[in-house]
Protein backbone atom coordinates (compact mmCIF):
# COMPACT_ATOMS: atom_id res chain seq x y z
CA UNK A 1 0.00 0.00 0.00
CA UNK A 2 1.35 3.38 -0.94
CA UNK A 3 1.56 6.39 1.38
CA UNK A 4 -1.04 8.27 -0.61
CA UNK A 5 -3.44 5.35 -0.12
CA UNK A 6 -2.94 5.46 3.64
CA UNK A 7 -3.48 9.23 3.64
CA UNK A 8 -6.64 8.85 1.53
CA UNK A 9 -8.00 6.16 3.87
CA UNK A 10 -7.24 8.36 6.89
CA UNK A 11 -9.00 11.35 5.35
CA UNK A 12 -11.92 9.11 4.36
CA UNK A 13 -12.30 7.76 7.90
CA UNK A 14 -12.09 11.30 9.31
CA UNK A 15 -14.74 12.50 6.85
CA UNK A 16 -16.96 9.49 7.57
CA UNK A 17 -16.82 10.32 11.28
CA UNK A 18 -17.96 13.85 10.52
CA UNK A 19 -20.78 12.61 8.31
CA UNK A 20 -21.94 10.17 10.99
CA UNK A 21 -21.85 12.98 13.57
CA UNK A 22 -23.93 15.20 11.28
CA UNK A 23 -26.33 12.31 10.65
CA UNK A 24 -26.91 11.83 14.38
CA UNK A 25 -27.51 15.55 14.77
CA UNK A 26 -29.95 15.52 11.85
CA UNK A 27 -31.84 12.62 13.42
CA UNK A 28 -32.37 14.70 16.55
CA UNK A 29 -29.49 14.05 18.93
CA UNK A 30 -27.91 17.04 20.65
CA UNK A 31 -24.25 17.73 19.84
CA UNK A 32 -22.91 15.91 22.93
CA UNK A 33 -24.99 12.78 22.33
CA UNK A 34 -24.22 12.83 18.60
CA UNK A 35 -20.50 12.97 19.39
CA UNK A 36 -20.71 10.11 21.88
CA UNK A 37 -22.73 7.90 19.53
CA UNK A 38 -20.55 8.64 16.51
CA UNK A 39 -17.41 7.81 18.53
CA UNK A 40 -19.07 4.66 19.87
CA UNK A 41 -19.97 3.57 16.34
CA UNK A 42 -16.42 4.31 15.18
CA UNK A 43 -14.96 2.22 18.03
CA UNK A 44 -17.37 -0.65 17.25
CA UNK A 45 -16.30 -0.64 13.59
CA UNK A 46 -12.63 -0.46 14.60
CA UNK A 47 -12.96 -3.40 17.01
CA UNK A 48 -14.80 -5.39 14.31
CA UNK A 49 -12.02 -4.69 11.81
CA UNK A 50 -9.34 -5.74 14.33
CA UNK A 51 -11.24 -8.95 15.13
CA UNK A 52 -11.56 -9.79 11.42
CA UNK A 53 -7.81 -9.22 11.02
CA UNK A 54 -7.03 -11.47 13.99
CA UNK A 55 -9.33 -14.13 12.55
CA UNK A 56 -7.40 -14.02 9.25
CA UNK A 57 -4.10 -14.26 11.16
CA UNK A 58 -5.24 -17.25 13.22
CA UNK A 59 -6.72 -19.05 10.20
CA UNK A 60 -3.62 -18.14 8.13
CA UNK A 61 -5.83 -16.71 5.42
CA UNK A 62 -3.59 -13.76 4.60
CA UNK A 63 -1.94 -12.63 1.37
CA UNK A 64 1.57 -13.49 2.59
CA UNK A 65 0.59 -17.05 3.50
CA UNK A 66 -1.06 -17.54 0.12
CA UNK A 67 2.04 -16.23 -1.66
CA UNK A 68 4.28 -18.64 0.28
CA UNK A 69 1.95 -21.54 -0.54
CA UNK A 70 1.88 -20.62 -4.25
CA UNK A 71 5.70 -20.31 -4.28
CA UNK A 72 6.19 -23.74 -2.69
CA UNK A 73 3.80 -25.32 -5.18
CA UNK A 74 5.61 -23.64 -8.09
CA UNK A 75 8.99 -24.87 -6.83
CA UNK A 76 7.68 -28.44 -6.48
CA UNK A 77 6.11 -28.28 -9.94
CA UNK A 78 9.39 -27.04 -11.42
CA UNK A 79 11.31 -29.87 -9.72
CA UNK A 80 8.82 -32.44 -11.05
CA UNK A 81 9.19 -31.08 -14.59
CA UNK A 82 12.99 -31.34 -14.35
CA UNK A 83 12.96 -34.96 -13.18
CA UNK A 84 13.80 -37.76 -15.58
CA UNK A 85 11.28 -40.55 -16.20
CA UNK A 86 13.39 -42.89 -14.07
CA UNK A 87 13.40 -40.46 -11.16
CA UNK A 88 9.63 -40.01 -11.50
CA UNK A 89 9.14 -43.79 -11.44
CA UNK A 90 11.32 -44.05 -8.33
CA UNK A 91 9.35 -41.24 -6.62
CA UNK A 92 6.06 -42.93 -7.56
CA UNK A 93 7.29 -46.19 -6.03
CA UNK A 94 8.35 -44.40 -2.81
CA UNK A 95 4.93 -42.77 -2.53
CA UNK A 96 3.15 -46.10 -3.03
CA UNK A 97 5.39 -47.75 -0.40
CA UNK A 98 4.68 -44.95 2.06
CA UNK A 99 0.92 -45.26 1.48
CA UNK A 100 1.01 -49.00 2.15
CA UNK A 101 2.69 -48.47 5.50
PDB file of N, CA and C in Angstrom:
ATOM      1  N   UNK A   1       0.849  -1.167   0.000  1.00  0.00           N
ATOM      2  CA  UNK A   1       0.000   0.000   0.000  1.00  0.00           C
ATOM      3  C   UNK A   1       0.901   1.237   0.000  1.00  0.00           C
ATOM      4  N   UNK A   2       0.554   2.174  -0.835  1.00  0.00           N
ATOM      5  CA  UNK A   2       1.348   3.385  -0.944  1.00  0.00           C
ATOM      6  C   UNK A   2       0.948   4.393   0.131  1.00  0.00           C
ATOM      7  N   UNK A   3       1.835   5.361   0.366  1.00  0.00           N
ATOM      8  CA  UNK A   3       1.555   6.390   1.383  1.00  0.00           C
ATOM      9  C   UNK A   3       0.304   7.179   1.052  1.00  0.00           C
ATOM     10  N   UNK A   4       0.123   7.482  -0.226  1.00  0.00           N
ATOM     11  CA  UNK A   4      -1.043   8.270  -0.614  1.00  0.00           C
ATOM     12  C   UNK A   4      -2.327   7.502  -0.323  1.00  0.00           C
ATOM     13  N   UNK A   5      -2.274   6.169  -0.444  1.00  0.00           N
ATOM     14  CA  UNK A   5      -3.443   5.350  -0.125  1.00  0.00           C
ATOM     15  C   UNK A   5      -3.770   5.435   1.359  1.00  0.00           C
ATOM     16  N   UNK A   6      -2.739   5.366   2.186  1.00  0.00           N
ATOM     17  CA  UNK A   6      -2.941   5.462   3.640  1.00  0.00           C
ATOM     18  C   UNK A   6      -3.510   6.830   4.008  1.00  0.00           C
ATOM     19  N   UNK A   7      -2.981   7.873   3.380  1.00  0.00           N
ATOM     20  CA  UNK A   7      -3.478   9.226   3.645  1.00  0.00           C
ATOM     21  C   UNK A   7      -4.939   9.340   3.201  1.00  0.00           C
ATOM     22  N   UNK A   8      -5.262   8.790   2.030  1.00  0.00           N
ATOM     23  CA  UNK A   8      -6.638   8.848   1.535  1.00  0.00           C
ATOM     24  C   UNK A   8      -7.585   8.089   2.458  1.00  0.00           C
ATOM     25  N   UNK A   9      -7.163   6.934   2.944  1.00  0.00           N
ATOM     26  CA  UNK A   9      -7.997   6.161   3.870  1.00  0.00           C
ATOM     27  C   UNK A   9      -8.203   6.945   5.163  1.00  0.00           C
ATOM     28  N   UNK A  10      -7.134   7.562   5.672  1.00  0.00           N
ATOM     29  CA  UNK A  10      -7.242   8.357   6.894  1.00  0.00           C
ATOM     30  C   UNK A  10      -8.205   9.521   6.733  1.00  0.00           C
ATOM     31  N   UNK A  11      -8.097  10.230   5.613  1.00  0.00           N
ATOM     32  CA  UNK A  11      -9.003  11.353   5.353  1.00  0.00           C
ATOM     33  C   UNK A  11     -10.436  10.839   5.194  1.00  0.00           C
ATOM     34  N   UNK A  12     -10.590   9.691   4.531  1.00  0.00           N
ATOM     35  CA  UNK A  12     -11.922   9.111   4.359  1.00  0.00           C
ATOM     36  C   UNK A  12     -12.560   8.727   5.684  1.00  0.00           C
ATOM     37  N   UNK A  13     -11.773   8.131   6.581  1.00  0.00           N
ATOM     38  CA  UNK A  13     -12.299   7.759   7.898  1.00  0.00           C
ATOM     39  C   UNK A  13     -12.669   9.015   8.691  1.00  0.00           C
ATOM     40  N   UNK A  14     -11.822  10.035   8.630  1.00  0.00           N
ATOM     41  CA  UNK A  14     -12.095  11.296   9.314  1.00  0.00           C
ATOM     42  C   UNK A  14     -13.387  11.920   8.786  1.00  0.00           C
ATOM     43  N   UNK A  15     -13.539  11.933   7.461  1.00  0.00           N
ATOM     44  CA  UNK A  15     -14.739  12.503   6.850  1.00  0.00           C
ATOM     45  C   UNK A  15     -15.977  11.671   7.198  1.00  0.00           C
ATOM     46  N   UNK A  16     -15.821  10.346   7.222  1.00  0.00           N
ATOM     47  CA  UNK A  16     -16.963   9.486   7.568  1.00  0.00           C
ATOM     48  C   UNK A  16     -17.414   9.755   9.000  1.00  0.00           C
ATOM     49  N   UNK A  17     -16.456   9.979   9.907  1.00  0.00           N
ATOM     50  CA  UNK A  17     -16.818  10.321  11.279  1.00  0.00           C
ATOM     51  C   UNK A  17     -17.617  11.602  11.347  1.00  0.00           C
ATOM     52  N   UNK A  18     -17.219  12.590  10.562  1.00  0.00           N
ATOM     53  CA  UNK A  18     -17.962  13.847  10.520  1.00  0.00           C
ATOM     54  C   UNK A  18     -19.354  13.672   9.944  1.00  0.00           C
ATOM     55  N   UNK A  19     -19.472  12.855   8.923  1.00  0.00           N
ATOM     56  CA  UNK A  19     -20.776  12.609   8.307  1.00  0.00           C
ATOM     57  C   UNK A  19     -21.685  11.874   9.288  1.00  0.00           C
ATOM     58  N   UNK A  20     -21.141  10.906   9.997  1.00  0.00           N
ATOM     59  CA  UNK A  20     -21.937  10.172  10.990  1.00  0.00           C
ATOM     60  C   UNK A  20     -22.400  11.116  12.101  1.00  0.00           C
ATOM     61  N   UNK A  21     -21.499  11.998  12.540  1.00  0.00           N
ATOM     62  CA  UNK A  21     -21.852  12.985  13.567  1.00  0.00           C
ATOM     63  C   UNK A  21     -22.995  13.869  13.076  1.00  0.00           C
ATOM     64  N   UNK A  22     -22.880  14.355  11.850  1.00  0.00           N
ATOM     65  CA  UNK A  22     -23.933  15.201  11.284  1.00  0.00           C
ATOM     66  C   UNK A  22     -25.238  14.421  11.123  1.00  0.00           C
ATOM     67  N   UNK A  23     -25.137  13.135  10.768  1.00  0.00           N
ATOM     68  CA  UNK A  23     -26.335  12.305  10.647  1.00  0.00           C
ATOM     69  C   UNK A  23     -27.050  12.203  11.989  1.00  0.00           C
ATOM     70  N   UNK A  24     -26.282  11.938  13.058  1.00  0.00           N
ATOM     71  CA  UNK A  24     -26.908  11.826  14.378  1.00  0.00           C
ATOM     72  C   UNK A  24     -27.542  13.150  14.803  1.00  0.00           C
ATOM     73  N   UNK A  25     -26.898  14.257  14.454  1.00  0.00           N
ATOM     74  CA  UNK A  25     -27.505  15.555  14.773  1.00  0.00           C
ATOM     75  C   UNK A  25     -28.781  15.772  13.962  1.00  0.00           C
ATOM     76  N   UNK A  26     -28.771  15.343  12.696  1.00  0.00           N
ATOM     77  CA  UNK A  26     -29.954  15.525  11.851  1.00  0.00           C
ATOM     78  C   UNK A  26     -31.115  14.659  12.335  1.00  0.00           C
ATOM     79  N   UNK A  27     -30.795  13.516  12.923  1.00  0.00           N
ATOM     80  CA  UNK A  27     -31.837  12.621  13.418  1.00  0.00           C
ATOM     81  C   UNK A  27     -32.500  13.212  14.654  1.00  0.00           C
ATOM     82  N   UNK A  28     -31.767  14.063  15.385  1.00  0.00           N
ATOM     83  CA  UNK A  28     -32.375  14.695  16.547  1.00  0.00           C
ATOM     84  C   UNK A  28     -31.544  14.642  17.807  1.00  0.00           C
ATOM     85  N   UNK A  29     -30.361  14.061  17.755  1.00  0.00           N
ATOM     86  CA  UNK A  29     -29.491  14.048  18.933  1.00  0.00           C
ATOM     87  C   UNK A  29     -28.889  15.430  19.139  1.00  0.00           C
ATOM     88  N   UNK A  30     -28.644  15.799  20.403  1.00  0.00           N
ATOM     89  CA  UNK A  30     -27.915  17.044  20.647  1.00  0.00           C
ATOM     90  C   UNK A  30     -26.443  16.798  20.316  1.00  0.00           C
ATOM     91  N   UNK A  31     -25.639  17.868  20.303  1.00  0.00           N
ATOM     92  CA  UNK A  31     -24.255  17.733  19.835  1.00  0.00           C
ATOM     93  C   UNK A  31     -23.436  16.789  20.717  1.00  0.00           C
ATOM     94  N   UNK A  32     -23.659  16.797  22.036  1.00  0.00           N
ATOM     95  CA  UNK A  32     -22.908  15.911  22.928  1.00  0.00           C
ATOM     96  C   UNK A  32     -23.273  14.451  22.672  1.00  0.00           C
ATOM     97  N   UNK A  33     -24.556  14.151  22.584  1.00  0.00           N
ATOM     98  CA  UNK A  33     -24.987  12.776  22.327  1.00  0.00           C
ATOM     99  C   UNK A  33     -24.559  12.306  20.939  1.00  0.00           C
ATOM    100  N   UNK A  34     -24.644  13.190  19.961  1.00  0.00           N
ATOM    101  CA  UNK A  34     -24.220  12.830  18.599  1.00  0.00           C
ATOM    102  C   UNK A  34     -22.735  12.489  18.586  1.00  0.00           C
ATOM    103  N   UNK A  35     -21.929  13.250  19.317  1.00  0.00           N
ATOM    104  CA  UNK A  35     -20.498  12.975  19.392  1.00  0.00           C
ATOM    105  C   UNK A  35     -20.219  11.646  20.070  1.00  0.00           C
ATOM    106  N   UNK A  36     -20.914  11.368  21.157  1.00  0.00           N
ATOM    107  CA  UNK A  36     -20.711  10.107  21.883  1.00  0.00           C
ATOM    108  C   UNK A  36     -21.113   8.929  21.004  1.00  0.00           C
ATOM    109  N   UNK A  37     -22.277   9.009  20.357  1.00  0.00           N
ATOM    110  CA  UNK A  37     -22.734   7.904  19.534  1.00  0.00           C
ATOM    111  C   UNK A  37     -21.864   7.699  18.298  1.00  0.00           C
ATOM    112  N   UNK A  38     -21.402   8.791  17.693  1.00  0.00           N
ATOM    113  CA  UNK A  38     -20.545   8.640  16.514  1.00  0.00           C
ATOM    114  C   UNK A  38     -19.203   8.031  16.911  1.00  0.00           C
ATOM    115  N   UNK A  39     -18.655   8.424  18.062  1.00  0.00           N
ATOM    116  CA  UNK A  39     -17.412   7.805  18.531  1.00  0.00           C
ATOM    117  C   UNK A  39     -17.630   6.345  18.900  1.00  0.00           C
ATOM    118  N   UNK A  40     -18.762   6.048  19.529  1.00  0.00           N
ATOM    119  CA  UNK A  40     -19.073   4.660  19.874  1.00  0.00           C
ATOM    120  C   UNK A  40     -19.188   3.787  18.630  1.00  0.00           C
ATOM    121  N   UNK A  41     -19.849   4.305  17.591  1.00  0.00           N
ATOM    122  CA  UNK A  41     -19.970   3.570  16.343  1.00  0.00           C
ATOM    123  C   UNK A  41     -18.597   3.369  15.703  1.00  0.00           C
ATOM    124  N   UNK A  42     -17.769   4.406  15.734  1.00  0.00           N
ATOM    125  CA  UNK A  42     -16.416   4.308  15.185  1.00  0.00           C
ATOM    126  C   UNK A  42     -15.612   3.237  15.924  1.00  0.00           C
ATOM    127  N   UNK A  43     -15.686   3.214  17.245  1.00  0.00           N
ATOM    128  CA  UNK A  43     -14.962   2.218  18.033  1.00  0.00           C
ATOM    129  C   UNK A  43     -15.485   0.816  17.727  1.00  0.00           C
ATOM    130  N   UNK A  44     -16.799   0.660  17.578  1.00  0.00           N
ATOM    131  CA  UNK A  44     -17.366  -0.654  17.253  1.00  0.00           C
ATOM    132  C   UNK A  44     -16.858  -1.149  15.901  1.00  0.00           C
ATOM    133  N   UNK A  45     -16.810  -0.262  14.908  1.00  0.00           N
ATOM    134  CA  UNK A  45     -16.298  -0.643  13.587  1.00  0.00           C
ATOM    135  C   UNK A  45     -14.812  -0.977  13.683  1.00  0.00           C
ATOM    136  N   UNK A  46     -14.054  -0.208  14.437  1.00  0.00           N
ATOM    137  CA  UNK A  46     -12.627  -0.464  14.600  1.00  0.00           C
ATOM    138  C   UNK A  46     -12.374  -1.809  15.271  1.00  0.00           C
ATOM    139  N   UNK A  47     -13.113  -2.120  16.316  1.00  0.00           N
ATOM    140  CA  UNK A  47     -12.962  -3.403  17.005  1.00  0.00           C
ATOM    141  C   UNK A  47     -13.353  -4.546  16.060  1.00  0.00           C
ATOM    142  N   UNK A  48     -14.405  -4.370  15.287  1.00  0.00           N
ATOM    143  CA  UNK A  48     -14.799  -5.389  14.308  1.00  0.00           C
ATOM    144  C   UNK A  48     -13.715  -5.632  13.275  1.00  0.00           C
ATOM    145  N   UNK A  49     -13.101  -4.562  12.792  1.00  0.00           N
ATOM    146  CA  UNK A  49     -12.021  -4.694  11.810  1.00  0.00           C
ATOM    147  C   UNK A  49     -10.829  -5.421  12.426  1.00  0.00           C
ATOM    148  N   UNK A  50     -10.464  -5.074  13.656  1.00  0.00           N
ATOM    149  CA  UNK A  50      -9.342  -5.739  14.330  1.00  0.00           C
ATOM    150  C   UNK A  50      -9.645  -7.221  14.534  1.00  0.00           C
ATOM    151  N   UNK A  51     -10.875  -7.550  14.940  1.00  0.00           N
ATOM    152  CA  UNK A  51     -11.240  -8.952  15.129  1.00  0.00           C
ATOM    153  C   UNK A  51     -11.202  -9.723  13.810  1.00  0.00           C
ATOM    154  N   UNK A  52     -11.624  -9.102  12.718  1.00  0.00           N
ATOM    155  CA  UNK A  52     -11.561  -9.785  11.418  1.00  0.00           C
ATOM    156  C   UNK A  52     -10.105 -10.008  11.015  1.00  0.00           C
ATOM    157  N   UNK A  53      -9.233  -9.054  11.313  1.00  0.00           N
ATOM    158  CA  UNK A  53      -7.810  -9.219  11.024  1.00  0.00           C
ATOM    159  C   UNK A  53      -7.221 -10.362  11.848  1.00  0.00           C
ATOM    160  N   UNK A  54      -7.542 -10.396  13.137  1.00  0.00           N
ATOM    161  CA  UNK A  54      -7.031 -11.467  13.991  1.00  0.00           C
ATOM    162  C   UNK A  54      -7.550 -12.831  13.532  1.00  0.00           C
ATOM    163  N   UNK A  55      -8.787 -12.890  13.066  1.00  0.00           N
ATOM    164  CA  UNK A  55      -9.330 -14.134  12.547  1.00  0.00           C
ATOM    165  C   UNK A  55      -8.542 -14.595  11.321  1.00  0.00           C
ATOM    166  N   UNK A  56      -8.205 -13.658  10.430  1.00  0.00           N
ATOM    167  CA  UNK A  56      -7.405 -14.021   9.253  1.00  0.00           C
ATOM    168  C   UNK A  56      -6.006 -14.468   9.648  1.00  0.00           C
ATOM    169  N   UNK A  57      -5.431 -13.859  10.697  1.00  0.00           N
ATOM    170  CA  UNK A  57      -4.103 -14.261  11.162  1.00  0.00           C
ATOM    171  C   UNK A  57      -4.153 -15.675  11.732  1.00  0.00           C
ATOM    172  N   UNK A  58      -5.135 -15.940  12.578  1.00  0.00           N
ATOM    173  CA  UNK A  58      -5.238 -17.254  13.216  1.00  0.00           C
ATOM    174  C   UNK A  58      -5.522 -18.337  12.179  1.00  0.00           C
ATOM    175  N   UNK A  59      -6.383 -18.055  11.217  1.00  0.00           N
ATOM    176  CA  UNK A  59      -6.716 -19.046  10.199  1.00  0.00           C
ATOM    177  C   UNK A  59      -5.684 -19.086   9.072  1.00  0.00           C
ATOM    178  N   UNK A  60      -4.673 -18.248   9.134  1.00  0.00           N
ATOM    179  CA  UNK A  60      -3.616 -18.138   8.129  1.00  0.00           C
ATOM    180  C   UNK A  60      -4.193 -17.903   6.741  1.00  0.00           C
ATOM    181  N   UNK A  61      -5.183 -17.063   6.673  1.00  0.00           N
ATOM    182  CA  UNK A  61      -5.832 -16.711   5.420  1.00  0.00           C
ATOM    183  C   UNK A  61      -5.428 -15.292   5.033  1.00  0.00           C
ATOM    184  N   UNK A  62      -4.110 -15.084   4.919  1.00  0.00           N
ATOM    185  CA  UNK A  62      -3.589 -13.759   4.599  1.00  0.00           C
ATOM    186  C   UNK A  62      -2.833 -13.825   3.271  1.00  0.00           C
ATOM    187  N   UNK A  63      -2.611 -12.691   2.666  1.00  0.00           N
ATOM    188  CA  UNK A  63      -1.943 -12.629   1.373  1.00  0.00           C
ATOM    189  C   UNK A  63      -0.554 -13.252   1.437  1.00  0.00           C
ATOM    190  N   UNK A  64       0.206 -12.954   2.468  1.00  0.00           N
ATOM    191  CA  UNK A  64       1.566 -13.494   2.591  1.00  0.00           C
ATOM    192  C   UNK A  64       1.549 -15.017   2.616  1.00  0.00           C
ATOM    193  N   UNK A  65       0.662 -15.596   3.415  1.00  0.00           N
ATOM    194  CA  UNK A  65       0.593 -17.053   3.504  1.00  0.00           C
ATOM    195  C   UNK A  65       0.225 -17.668   2.154  1.00  0.00           C
ATOM    196  N   UNK A  66      -0.676 -17.034   1.437  1.00  0.00           N
ATOM    197  CA  UNK A  66      -1.064 -17.539   0.117  1.00  0.00           C
ATOM    198  C   UNK A  66       0.108 -17.451  -0.855  1.00  0.00           C
ATOM    199  N   UNK A  67       0.881 -16.369  -0.777  1.00  0.00           N
ATOM    200  CA  UNK A  67       2.037 -16.229  -1.657  1.00  0.00           C
ATOM    201  C   UNK A  67       3.076 -17.301  -1.368  1.00  0.00           C
ATOM    202  N   UNK A  68       3.317 -17.602  -0.092  1.00  0.00           N
ATOM    203  CA  UNK A  68       4.282 -18.645   0.277  1.00  0.00           C
ATOM    204  C   UNK A  68       3.796 -19.998  -0.231  1.00  0.00           C
ATOM    205  N   UNK A  69       2.521 -20.277  -0.069  1.00  0.00           N
ATOM    206  CA  UNK A  69       1.953 -21.542  -0.543  1.00  0.00           C
ATOM    207  C   UNK A  69       2.101 -21.666  -2.060  1.00  0.00           C
ATOM    208  N   UNK A  70       1.763 -20.601  -2.789  1.00  0.00           N
ATOM    209  CA  UNK A  70       1.885 -20.620  -4.249  1.00  0.00           C
ATOM    210  C   UNK A  70       3.336 -20.809  -4.674  1.00  0.00           C
ATOM    211  N   UNK A  71       4.276 -20.183  -3.964  1.00  0.00           N
ATOM    212  CA  UNK A  71       5.695 -20.308  -4.283  1.00  0.00           C
ATOM    213  C   UNK A  71       6.164 -21.747  -4.083  1.00  0.00           C
ATOM    214  N   UNK A  72       5.786 -22.352  -2.959  1.00  0.00           N
ATOM    215  CA  UNK A  72       6.194 -23.736  -2.688  1.00  0.00           C
ATOM    216  C   UNK A  72       5.643 -24.680  -3.753  1.00  0.00           C
ATOM    217  N   UNK A  73       4.392 -24.480  -4.143  1.00  0.00           N
ATOM    218  CA  UNK A  73       3.800 -25.323  -5.183  1.00  0.00           C
ATOM    219  C   UNK A  73       4.516 -25.135  -6.520  1.00  0.00           C
ATOM    220  N   UNK A  74       4.895 -23.900  -6.836  1.00  0.00           N
ATOM    221  CA  UNK A  74       5.607 -23.640  -8.092  1.00  0.00           C
ATOM    222  C   UNK A  74       6.982 -24.296  -8.077  1.00  0.00           C
ATOM    223  N   UNK A  75       7.669 -24.245  -6.940  1.00  0.00           N
ATOM    224  CA  UNK A  75       8.991 -24.874  -6.833  1.00  0.00           C
ATOM    225  C   UNK A  75       8.861 -26.381  -7.007  1.00  0.00           C
ATOM    226  N   UNK A  76       7.872 -26.998  -6.342  1.00  0.00           N
ATOM    227  CA  UNK A  76       7.678 -28.439  -6.479  1.00  0.00           C
ATOM    228  C   UNK A  76       7.327 -28.817  -7.913  1.00  0.00           C
ATOM    229  N   UNK A  77       6.485 -28.019  -8.552  1.00  0.00           N
ATOM    230  CA  UNK A  77       6.112 -28.282  -9.942  1.00  0.00           C
ATOM    231  C   UNK A  77       7.330 -28.202 -10.849  1.00  0.00           C
ATOM    232  N   UNK A  78       8.175 -27.208 -10.618  1.00  0.00           N
ATOM    233  CA  UNK A  78       9.392 -27.044 -11.423  1.00  0.00           C
ATOM    234  C   UNK A  78      10.319 -28.237 -11.239  1.00  0.00           C
ATOM    235  N   UNK A  79      10.457 -28.696  -9.979  1.00  0.00           N
ATOM    236  CA  UNK A  79      11.306 -29.871  -9.716  1.00  0.00           C
ATOM    237  C   UNK A  79      10.744 -31.113 -10.406  1.00  0.00           C
ATOM    238  N   UNK A  80       9.423 -31.289 -10.376  1.00  0.00           N
ATOM    239  CA  UNK A  80       8.824 -32.438 -11.051  1.00  0.00           C
ATOM    240  C   UNK A  80       9.059 -32.392 -12.560  1.00  0.00           C
ATOM    241  N   UNK A  81       8.978 -31.218 -13.148  1.00  0.00           N
ATOM    242  CA  UNK A  81       9.194 -31.075 -14.587  1.00  0.00           C
ATOM    243  C   UNK A  81      10.631 -31.378 -14.973  1.00  0.00           C
ATOM    244  N   UNK A  82      11.569 -31.125 -14.063  1.00  0.00           N
ATOM    245  CA  UNK A  82      12.988 -31.344 -14.353  1.00  0.00           C
ATOM    246  C   UNK A  82      13.437 -32.786 -14.105  1.00  0.00           C
ATOM    247  N   UNK A  83      12.590 -33.588 -13.487  1.00  0.00           N
ATOM    248  CA  UNK A  83      12.963 -34.964 -13.185  1.00  0.00           C
ATOM    249  C   UNK A  83      12.902 -35.833 -14.437  1.00  0.00           C
ATOM    250  N   UNK A  84      13.806 -36.805 -14.481  1.00  0.00           N
ATOM    251  CA  UNK A  84      13.803 -37.764 -15.584  1.00  0.00           C
ATOM    252  C   UNK A  84      12.698 -38.783 -15.345  1.00  0.00           C
ATOM    253  N   UNK A  85      12.312 -39.513 -16.388  1.00  0.00           N
ATOM    254  CA  UNK A  85      11.279 -40.549 -16.201  1.00  0.00           C
ATOM    255  C   UNK A  85      11.675 -41.595 -15.153  1.00  0.00           C
ATOM    256  N   UNK A  86      12.945 -41.926 -15.073  1.00  0.00           N
ATOM    257  CA  UNK A  86      13.394 -42.894 -14.073  1.00  0.00           C
ATOM    258  C   UNK A  86      13.218 -42.341 -12.658  1.00  0.00           C
ATOM    259  N   UNK A  87      13.555 -41.077 -12.484  1.00  0.00           N
ATOM    260  CA  UNK A  87      13.398 -40.455 -11.164  1.00  0.00           C
ATOM    261  C   UNK A  87      11.917 -40.364 -10.781  1.00  0.00           C
ATOM    262  N   UNK A  88      11.066 -40.065 -11.762  1.00  0.00           N
ATOM    263  CA  UNK A  88       9.630 -40.012 -11.503  1.00  0.00           C
ATOM    264  C   UNK A  88       9.094 -41.387 -11.104  1.00  0.00           C
ATOM    265  N   UNK A  89       9.569 -42.433 -11.782  1.00  0.00           N
ATOM    266  CA  UNK A  89       9.142 -43.793 -11.441  1.00  0.00           C
ATOM    267  C   UNK A  89       9.586 -44.155 -10.031  1.00  0.00           C
ATOM    268  N   UNK A  90      10.805 -43.767  -9.674  1.00  0.00           N
ATOM    269  CA  UNK A  90      11.316 -44.048  -8.330  1.00  0.00           C
ATOM    270  C   UNK A  90      10.485 -43.299  -7.276  1.00  0.00           C
ATOM    271  N   UNK A  91      10.162 -42.038  -7.546  1.00  0.00           N
ATOM    272  CA  UNK A  91       9.352 -41.245  -6.623  1.00  0.00           C
ATOM    273  C   UNK A  91       7.961 -41.853  -6.479  1.00  0.00           C
ATOM    274  N   UNK A  92       7.387 -42.293  -7.599  1.00  0.00           N
ATOM    275  CA  UNK A  92       6.063 -42.931  -7.561  1.00  0.00           C
ATOM    276  C   UNK A  92       6.102 -44.182  -6.695  1.00  0.00           C
ATOM    277  N   UNK A  93       7.158 -44.964  -6.826  1.00  0.00           N
ATOM    278  CA  UNK A  93       7.293 -46.187  -6.033  1.00  0.00           C
ATOM    279  C   UNK A  93       7.425 -45.857  -4.546  1.00  0.00           C
ATOM    280  N   UNK A  94       8.191 -44.809  -4.216  1.00  0.00           N
ATOM    281  CA  UNK A  94       8.355 -44.402  -2.814  1.00  0.00           C
ATOM    282  C   UNK A  94       7.025 -43.946  -2.212  1.00  0.00           C
ATOM    283  N   UNK A  95       6.238 -43.238  -3.007  1.00  0.00           N
ATOM    284  CA  UNK A  95       4.927 -42.774  -2.532  1.00  0.00           C
ATOM    285  C   UNK A  95       4.000 -43.962  -2.288  1.00  0.00           C
ATOM    286  N   UNK A  96       4.008 -44.917  -3.193  1.00  0.00           N
ATOM    287  CA  UNK A  96       3.154 -46.096  -3.026  1.00  0.00           C
ATOM    288  C   UNK A  96       3.582 -46.904  -1.807  1.00  0.00           C
ATOM    289  N   UNK A  97       4.899 -47.023  -1.584  1.00  0.00           N
ATOM    290  CA  UNK A  97       5.390 -47.749  -0.403  1.00  0.00           C
ATOM    291  C   UNK A  97       4.994 -47.040   0.882  1.00  0.00           C
ATOM    292  N   UNK A  98       5.044 -45.714   0.879  1.00  0.00           N
ATOM    293  CA  UNK A  98       4.678 -44.945   2.057  1.00  0.00           C
ATOM    294  C   UNK A  98       3.176 -45.072   2.344  1.00  0.00           C
ATOM    295  N   UNK A  99       2.362 -45.119   1.296  1.00  0.00           N
ATOM    296  CA  UNK A  99       0.921 -45.255   1.475  1.00  0.00           C
ATOM    297  C   UNK A  99       0.547 -46.628   2.025  1.00  0.00           C
ATOM    298  N   UNK A 100       1.301 -47.651   1.663  1.00  0.00           N
ATOM    299  CA  UNK A 100       1.011 -48.996   2.146  1.00  0.00           C
ATOM    300  C   UNK A 100       1.342 -49.145   3.628  1.00  0.00           C
ATOM    301  N   UNK A 101       2.300 -48.390   4.088  1.00  0.00           N
ATOM    302  CA  UNK A 101       2.687 -48.472   5.504  1.00  0.00           C
ATOM    303  C   UNK A 101       1.806 -47.593   6.296  1.00  0.00           C
TER     304      UNK A 101
END
